[in-house]
Amino acid sequence: MKPEKMIKYLVYALVLFGFLLSSQHVIKEFRRMASITYNTYPFIYVSIFSSILMGVLIGLEVLLKEAGKGGRWKIDAEKLLFLGLPSLYFTFKSFIPLPVFSRALPLPFLPHVNPETISIVAIILGYALVTSFYKKE
């Protein structure tokens, strides 16, 4: 293995795992504050934001490879449409009041995501956002 490549991945791993550990500490503090104040919205927003940021960090290597290429920046609209938009919907589904649709559509047509998996969908959202940018010569 090349030493430059090893150092690059070591730094990348330190950034990823450092962010993971620090975000878990921040989330733990917001969870503690929510248990005291009974206001859970800051805790939920911080959890979602940190998951999206983790997805961005995971896809950052792809974006940095694209930045080294020549050409003009383009957006992969299909990736944003078919991966980014559904993950955006499922990430923030609980915050979107849709009483008209909930009465008009029967329950089988309303997709449901378990609240425990929202962080996974938010990571997918962050990854889709950052990897949908590419350079075309």
N, C-alpha and C. Protein backbone atom coordinates (compact mmCIF):
# COMPACT_ATOMS: atom_id res chain seq x y z
N MET A 1 0.84 -1.19 0.00
CA MET A 1 0.00 0.00 0.00
C MET A 1 0.88 1.25 0.00
N LYS A 2 0.34 2.26 -0.60
CA LYS A 2 1.07 3.53 -0.65
C LYS A 2 0.85 4.29 0.67
N PRO A 3 1.91 4.89 1.19
CA PRO A 3 1.76 5.63 2.46
C PRO A 3 0.81 6.82 2.35
N GLU A 4 0.78 7.48 1.18
CA GLU A 4 -0.14 8.63 1.03
C GLU A 4 -1.59 8.19 1.13
N LYS A 5 -1.87 7.03 0.50
CA LYS A 5 -3.24 6.51 0.53
C LYS A 5 -3.63 6.09 1.95
N MET A 6 -2.69 5.49 2.66
CA MET A 6 -2.96 5.08 4.03
C MET A 6 -3.23 6.29 4.92
N ILE A 7 -2.46 7.33 4.75
CA ILE A 7 -2.65 8.55 5.55
C ILE A 7 -3.99 9.19 5.21
N LYS A 8 -4.32 9.21 3.92
CA LYS A 8 -5.59 9.80 3.50
C LYS A 8 -6.77 9.07 4.14
N TYR A 9 -6.75 7.73 4.11
CA TYR A 9 -7.85 6.98 4.71
C TYR A 9 -7.84 7.04 6.23
N LEU A 10 -6.67 7.17 6.82
CA LEU A 10 -6.59 7.32 8.27
C LEU A 10 -7.23 8.64 8.69
N VAL A 11 -6.92 9.72 7.97
CA VAL A 11 -7.52 11.02 8.28
C VAL A 11 -9.03 10.97 8.05
N TYR A 12 -9.44 10.34 6.95
CA TYR A 12 -10.87 10.22 6.63
C TYR A 12 -11.60 9.44 7.73
N ALA A 13 -11.00 8.35 8.19
CA ALA A 13 -11.61 7.55 9.26
C ALA A 13 -11.66 8.34 10.56
N LEU A 14 -10.60 9.09 10.86
CA LEU A 14 -10.60 9.89 12.09
C LEU A 14 -11.69 10.96 12.05
N VAL A 15 -11.87 11.58 10.89
CA VAL A 15 -12.93 12.59 10.76
C VAL A 15 -14.30 11.95 10.92
N LEU A 16 -14.53 10.83 10.23
CA LEU A 16 -15.83 10.16 10.33
C LEU A 16 -16.14 9.72 11.75
N PHE A 17 -15.21 8.98 12.35
CA PHE A 17 -15.47 8.47 13.68
C PHE A 17 -15.43 9.57 14.74
N GLY A 18 -14.63 10.59 14.51
CA GLY A 18 -14.64 11.74 15.42
C GLY A 18 -15.98 12.45 15.39
N PHE A 19 -16.52 12.64 14.18
CA PHE A 19 -17.84 13.26 14.07
C PHE A 19 -18.90 12.37 14.70
N LEU A 20 -18.81 11.07 14.48
CA LEU A 20 -19.79 10.14 15.05
C LEU A 20 -19.79 10.23 16.58
N LEU A 21 -18.62 10.22 17.17
CA LEU A 21 -18.54 10.28 18.64
C LEU A 21 -19.00 11.63 19.18
N SER A 22 -18.58 12.71 18.53
CA SER A 22 -18.98 14.03 19.03
C SER A 22 -20.47 14.27 18.82
N SER A 23 -21.02 13.81 17.70
CA SER A 23 -22.45 14.00 17.49
C SER A 23 -23.27 13.18 18.49
N GLN A 24 -22.80 12.00 18.84
CA GLN A 24 -23.52 11.20 19.83
C GLN A 24 -23.50 11.87 21.20
N HIS A 25 -22.41 12.55 21.51
CA HIS A 25 -22.35 13.29 22.77
C HIS A 25 -23.35 14.45 22.76
N VAL A 26 -23.40 15.18 21.64
CA VAL A 26 -24.34 16.31 21.53
C VAL A 26 -25.78 15.80 21.58
N ILE A 27 -26.07 14.71 20.88
CA ILE A 27 -27.42 14.15 20.88
C ILE A 27 -27.81 13.69 22.29
N LYS A 28 -26.86 13.12 23.00
CA LYS A 28 -27.12 12.69 24.38
C LYS A 28 -27.50 13.88 25.26
N GLU A 29 -26.81 15.00 25.08
CA GLU A 29 -27.13 16.20 25.86
C GLU A 29 -28.52 16.75 25.50
N PHE A 30 -28.84 16.75 24.21
CA PHE A 30 -30.17 17.22 23.81
C PHE A 30 -31.26 16.27 24.30
N ARG A 31 -30.98 14.98 24.35
CA ARG A 31 -31.94 14.02 24.90
C ARG A 31 -32.15 14.29 26.38
N ARG A 32 -31.07 14.61 27.09
CA ARG A 32 -31.18 14.92 28.52
C ARG A 32 -32.01 16.18 28.73
N MET A 33 -31.75 17.22 27.90
CA MET A 33 -32.53 18.46 28.01
C MET A 33 -34.00 18.21 27.69
N ALA A 34 -34.26 17.34 26.71
CA ALA A 34 -35.64 17.03 26.36
C ALA A 34 -36.35 16.30 27.49
N SER A 35 -35.63 15.47 28.23
CA SER A 35 -36.27 14.77 29.35
C SER A 35 -36.57 15.71 30.50
N ILE A 36 -35.84 16.81 30.58
CA ILE A 36 -36.09 17.79 31.64
C ILE A 36 -37.19 18.77 31.24
N THR A 37 -37.11 19.28 30.02
CA THR A 37 -38.04 20.33 29.58
C THR A 37 -39.27 19.81 28.87
N TYR A 38 -39.27 18.53 28.50
CA TYR A 38 -40.36 17.92 27.72
C TYR A 38 -40.52 18.54 26.34
N ASN A 39 -39.52 19.28 25.88
CA ASN A 39 -39.52 19.84 24.53
C ASN A 39 -38.58 18.97 23.69
N THR A 40 -39.15 18.10 22.87
CA THR A 40 -38.34 17.12 22.12
C THR A 40 -37.90 17.63 20.75
N TYR A 41 -38.45 18.73 20.29
CA TYR A 41 -38.10 19.19 18.94
C TYR A 41 -36.62 19.49 18.75
N PRO A 42 -35.94 20.20 19.67
CA PRO A 42 -34.50 20.40 19.46
C PRO A 42 -33.73 19.08 19.36
N PHE A 43 -34.08 18.11 20.17
CA PHE A 43 -33.44 16.80 20.13
C PHE A 43 -33.66 16.13 18.77
N ILE A 44 -34.89 16.18 18.28
CA ILE A 44 -35.21 15.56 16.99
C ILE A 44 -34.47 16.25 15.86
N TYR A 45 -34.45 17.58 15.86
CA TYR A 45 -33.77 18.32 14.80
C TYR A 45 -32.27 18.05 14.81
N VAL A 46 -31.66 18.02 15.98
CA VAL A 46 -30.22 17.75 16.07
C VAL A 46 -29.93 16.33 15.61
N SER A 47 -30.76 15.39 15.95
CA SER A 47 -30.56 14.00 15.52
C SER A 47 -30.62 13.89 14.00
N ILE A 48 -31.63 14.52 13.41
CA ILE A 48 -31.77 14.47 11.95
C ILE A 48 -30.62 15.19 11.27
N PHE A 49 -30.27 16.38 11.76
CA PHE A 49 -29.19 17.14 11.15
C PHE A 49 -27.86 16.39 11.24
N SER A 50 -27.59 15.77 12.36
CA SER A 50 -26.32 15.04 12.48
C SER A 50 -26.31 13.81 11.57
N SER A 51 -27.45 13.18 11.37
CA SER A 51 -27.50 12.04 10.44
C SER A 51 -27.29 12.49 9.00
N ILE A 52 -27.90 13.61 8.63
CA ILE A 52 -27.69 14.13 7.28
C ILE A 52 -26.22 14.50 7.09
N LEU A 53 -25.63 15.13 8.09
CA LEU A 53 -24.22 15.51 8.00
C LEU A 53 -23.32 14.28 7.93
N MET A 54 -23.69 13.20 8.60
CA MET A 54 -22.91 11.96 8.51
C MET A 54 -22.97 11.41 7.08
N GLY A 55 -24.13 11.47 6.45
CA GLY A 55 -24.24 11.05 5.05
C GLY A 55 -23.41 11.91 4.13
N VAL A 56 -23.36 13.20 4.41
CA VAL A 56 -22.52 14.11 3.62
C VAL A 56 -21.05 13.74 3.79
N LEU A 57 -20.65 13.45 5.02
CA LEU A 57 -19.25 13.08 5.25
C LEU A 57 -18.89 11.76 4.58
N ILE A 58 -19.83 10.82 4.55
CA ILE A 58 -19.57 9.54 3.89
C ILE A 58 -19.38 9.75 2.38
N GLY A 59 -20.17 10.63 1.79
CA GLY A 59 -20.06 10.89 0.36
C GLY A 59 -19.04 11.94 0.00
N LEU A 60 -18.37 12.51 0.97
CA LEU A 60 -17.41 13.58 0.71
C LEU A 60 -16.24 13.13 -0.16
N GLU A 61 -15.83 11.89 -0.01
CA GLU A 61 -14.72 11.38 -0.81
C GLU A 61 -15.08 11.40 -2.29
N VAL A 62 -16.30 11.04 -2.63
CA VAL A 62 -16.75 11.07 -4.03
C VAL A 62 -16.73 12.49 -4.56
N LEU A 63 -17.21 13.43 -3.76
CA LEU A 63 -17.23 14.83 -4.17
C LEU A 63 -15.82 15.38 -4.36
N LEU A 64 -14.90 15.00 -3.48
CA LEU A 64 -13.53 15.48 -3.61
C LEU A 64 -12.84 14.90 -4.85
N LYS A 65 -13.16 13.66 -5.22
CA LYS A 65 -12.63 13.09 -6.46
C LYS A 65 -13.16 13.86 -7.66
N GLU A 66 -14.44 14.22 -7.62
CA GLU A 66 -15.03 14.99 -8.72
C GLU A 66 -14.43 16.38 -8.79
N ALA A 67 -14.11 16.96 -7.66
CA ALA A 67 -13.55 18.31 -7.64
C ALA A 67 -12.17 18.35 -8.29
N GLY A 68 -11.46 17.24 -8.26
CA GLY A 68 -10.15 17.19 -8.89
C GLY A 68 -10.20 17.07 -10.41
N LYS A 69 -11.35 16.73 -10.95
CA LYS A 69 -11.49 16.60 -12.39
C LYS A 69 -11.70 17.97 -13.03
N GLY A 70 -11.50 18.01 -14.34
CA GLY A 70 -11.77 19.24 -15.07
C GLY A 70 -13.19 19.23 -15.61
N GLY A 71 -13.68 20.39 -15.93
CA GLY A 71 -15.02 20.49 -16.50
C GLY A 71 -15.94 21.35 -15.67
N ARG A 72 -17.20 21.33 -16.08
CA ARG A 72 -18.22 22.13 -15.39
C ARG A 72 -19.03 21.24 -14.46
N TRP A 73 -19.48 21.83 -13.37
CA TRP A 73 -20.29 21.09 -12.40
C TRP A 73 -21.68 20.87 -12.97
N LYS A 74 -22.18 19.67 -12.78
CA LYS A 74 -23.53 19.29 -13.18
C LYS A 74 -24.21 18.62 -11.99
N ILE A 75 -25.53 18.52 -12.07
CA ILE A 75 -26.31 17.87 -11.02
C ILE A 75 -26.99 16.64 -11.61
N ASP A 76 -26.85 15.53 -10.93
CA ASP A 76 -27.52 14.30 -11.34
C ASP A 76 -28.97 14.36 -10.86
N ALA A 77 -29.85 14.87 -11.72
CA ALA A 77 -31.24 15.10 -11.34
C ALA A 77 -31.97 13.80 -11.05
N GLU A 78 -31.61 12.73 -11.75
CA GLU A 78 -32.28 11.44 -11.51
C GLU A 78 -31.98 10.92 -10.11
N LYS A 79 -30.72 11.08 -9.68
CA LYS A 79 -30.36 10.63 -8.34
C LYS A 79 -31.12 11.44 -7.29
N LEU A 80 -31.19 12.74 -7.50
CA LEU A 80 -31.93 13.58 -6.55
C LEU A 80 -33.41 13.24 -6.55
N LEU A 81 -33.95 12.96 -7.73
CA LEU A 81 -35.38 12.68 -7.83
C LEU A 81 -35.74 11.33 -7.22
N PHE A 82 -34.98 10.30 -7.55
CA PHE A 82 -35.36 8.95 -7.13
C PHE A 82 -34.71 8.48 -5.83
N LEU A 83 -33.67 9.14 -5.38
CA LEU A 83 -33.05 8.78 -4.10
C LEU A 83 -33.17 9.90 -3.08
N GLY A 84 -32.92 11.14 -3.51
CA GLY A 84 -32.95 12.26 -2.59
C GLY A 84 -34.34 12.67 -2.15
N LEU A 85 -35.26 12.77 -3.11
CA LEU A 85 -36.62 13.21 -2.78
C LEU A 85 -37.37 12.24 -1.86
N PRO A 86 -37.35 10.92 -2.14
CA PRO A 86 -38.02 10.01 -1.19
C PRO A 86 -37.37 10.02 0.20
N SER A 87 -36.04 10.10 0.24
CA SER A 87 -35.41 10.13 1.56
C SER A 87 -35.69 11.44 2.28
N LEU A 88 -35.82 12.54 1.55
CA LEU A 88 -36.22 13.81 2.15
C LEU A 88 -37.63 13.70 2.73
N TYR A 89 -38.52 13.08 1.96
CA TYR A 89 -39.90 12.89 2.43
C TYR A 89 -39.95 12.04 3.70
N PHE A 90 -39.26 10.89 3.68
CA PHE A 90 -39.32 10.00 4.84
C PHE A 90 -38.58 10.57 6.05
N THR A 91 -37.59 11.41 5.81
CA THR A 91 -36.89 12.03 6.94
C THR A 91 -37.79 13.02 7.67
N PHE A 92 -38.52 13.83 6.90
CA PHE A 92 -39.33 14.89 7.51
C PHE A 92 -40.82 14.60 7.46
N LYS A 93 -41.20 13.35 7.21
CA LYS A 93 -42.61 12.98 7.09
C LYS A 93 -43.42 13.32 8.34
N SER A 94 -42.83 13.15 9.48
CA SER A 94 -43.54 13.40 10.74
C SER A 94 -43.81 14.88 10.96
N PHE A 95 -43.08 15.75 10.27
CA PHE A 95 -43.24 17.18 10.46
C PHE A 95 -44.12 17.83 9.41
N ILE A 96 -44.56 17.04 8.42
CA ILE A 96 -45.39 17.58 7.35
C ILE A 96 -46.84 17.25 7.64
N PRO A 97 -47.65 18.24 8.00
CA PRO A 97 -49.06 17.95 8.25
C PRO A 97 -49.82 17.81 6.92
N LEU A 98 -50.33 16.63 6.68
CA LEU A 98 -51.10 16.39 5.46
C LEU A 98 -52.47 15.81 5.80
N PRO A 99 -53.32 16.57 6.48
CA PRO A 99 -54.61 16.01 6.87
C PRO A 99 -55.51 15.73 5.66
N VAL A 100 -55.36 16.48 4.59
CA VAL A 100 -56.20 16.25 3.41
C VAL A 100 -55.89 14.89 2.81
N PHE A 101 -54.59 14.57 2.69
CA PHE A 101 -54.21 13.30 2.09
C PHE A 101 -54.51 12.13 3.01
N SER A 102 -54.37 12.32 4.30
CA SER A 102 -54.61 11.21 5.22
C SER A 102 -56.08 10.80 5.23
N ARG A 103 -56.99 11.74 5.00
CA ARG A 103 -58.42 11.38 4.93
C ARG A 103 -58.79 10.83 3.56
N ALA A 104 -58.15 11.34 2.52
CA ALA A 104 -58.53 10.95 1.16
C ALA A 104 -57.95 9.60 0.76
N LEU A 105 -56.76 9.27 1.22
CA LEU A 105 -56.12 8.04 0.81
C LEU A 105 -56.27 6.98 1.89
N PRO A 106 -56.58 5.76 1.51
CA PRO A 106 -56.60 4.69 2.51
C PRO A 106 -55.19 4.40 3.02
N LEU A 107 -55.09 3.80 4.17
CA LEU A 107 -53.81 3.57 4.83
C LEU A 107 -52.79 2.80 4.01
N PRO A 108 -53.12 1.79 3.19
CA PRO A 108 -52.08 1.09 2.45
C PRO A 108 -51.31 1.99 1.47
N PHE A 109 -51.89 3.11 1.06
CA PHE A 109 -51.20 3.99 0.13
C PHE A 109 -50.32 5.02 0.82
N LEU A 110 -50.36 5.10 2.13
CA LEU A 110 -49.49 6.01 2.87
C LEU A 110 -48.30 5.23 3.40
N PRO A 111 -47.12 5.39 2.76
CA PRO A 111 -45.96 4.64 3.24
C PRO A 111 -45.56 5.09 4.64
N HIS A 112 -45.14 4.14 5.44
CA HIS A 112 -44.77 4.42 6.82
C HIS A 112 -43.32 4.02 7.04
N VAL A 113 -42.59 4.86 7.73
CA VAL A 113 -41.22 4.55 8.12
C VAL A 113 -41.17 4.54 9.64
N ASN A 114 -40.59 3.50 10.16
CA ASN A 114 -40.42 3.38 11.60
C ASN A 114 -39.56 4.55 12.10
N PRO A 115 -39.95 5.22 13.18
CA PRO A 115 -39.17 6.36 13.67
C PRO A 115 -37.72 6.04 13.99
N GLU A 116 -37.43 4.80 14.33
CA GLU A 116 -36.04 4.44 14.63
C GLU A 116 -35.17 4.42 13.38
N THR A 117 -35.78 4.31 12.20
CA THR A 117 -34.99 4.25 10.97
C THR A 117 -34.86 5.61 10.29
N ILE A 118 -35.39 6.64 10.89
CA ILE A 118 -35.29 7.98 10.28
C ILE A 118 -33.83 8.40 10.15
N SER A 119 -32.99 8.03 11.10
CA SER A 119 -31.58 8.41 11.00
C SER A 119 -30.92 7.73 9.80
N ILE A 120 -31.30 6.51 9.48
CA ILE A 120 -30.74 5.83 8.32
C ILE A 120 -31.18 6.52 7.04
N VAL A 121 -32.45 6.88 6.97
CA VAL A 121 -32.96 7.58 5.79
C VAL A 121 -32.30 8.95 5.67
N ALA A 122 -32.02 9.61 6.78
CA ALA A 122 -31.35 10.91 6.75
C ALA A 122 -29.91 10.77 6.28
N ILE A 123 -29.24 9.67 6.62
CA ILE A 123 -27.89 9.43 6.11
C ILE A 123 -27.94 9.23 4.60
N ILE A 124 -28.93 8.51 4.12
CA ILE A 124 -29.11 8.32 2.68
C ILE A 124 -29.35 9.67 2.01
N LEU A 125 -30.14 10.52 2.64
CA LEU A 125 -30.40 11.86 2.10
C LEU A 125 -29.10 12.66 1.97
N GLY A 126 -28.30 12.69 3.00
CA GLY A 126 -27.04 13.43 2.95
C GLY A 126 -26.09 12.87 1.90
N TYR A 127 -26.03 11.55 1.80
CA TYR A 127 -25.17 10.93 0.79
C TYR A 127 -25.67 11.25 -0.62
N ALA A 128 -26.97 11.18 -0.83
CA ALA A 128 -27.54 11.48 -2.16
C ALA A 128 -27.30 12.93 -2.53
N LEU A 129 -27.41 13.83 -1.57
CA LEU A 129 -27.19 15.25 -1.85
C LEU A 129 -25.76 15.51 -2.30
N VAL A 130 -24.80 14.96 -1.58
CA VAL A 130 -23.40 15.29 -1.87
C VAL A 130 -22.88 14.54 -3.10
N THR A 131 -23.39 13.35 -3.37
CA THR A 131 -22.88 12.60 -4.51
C THR A 131 -23.64 12.88 -5.80
N SER A 132 -24.62 13.74 -5.77
CA SER A 132 -25.34 14.06 -7.00
C SER A 132 -24.66 15.16 -7.79
N PHE A 133 -23.58 15.71 -7.29
CA PHE A 133 -22.80 16.71 -8.03
C PHE A 133 -21.64 16.01 -8.72
N TYR A 134 -21.45 16.30 -9.99
CA TYR A 134 -20.35 15.72 -10.75
C TYR A 134 -19.87 16.73 -11.78
N LYS A 135 -18.70 16.46 -12.32
CA LYS A 135 -18.14 17.33 -13.35
C LYS A 135 -18.22 16.65 -14.70
N LYS A 136 -18.61 17.41 -15.70
CA LYS A 136 -18.69 16.92 -17.07
C LYS A 136 -17.77 17.76 -17.93
N GLU A 137 -16.93 17.06 -18.68
CA GLU A 137 -15.96 17.77 -19.52
C GLU A 137 -16.59 18.30 -20.79
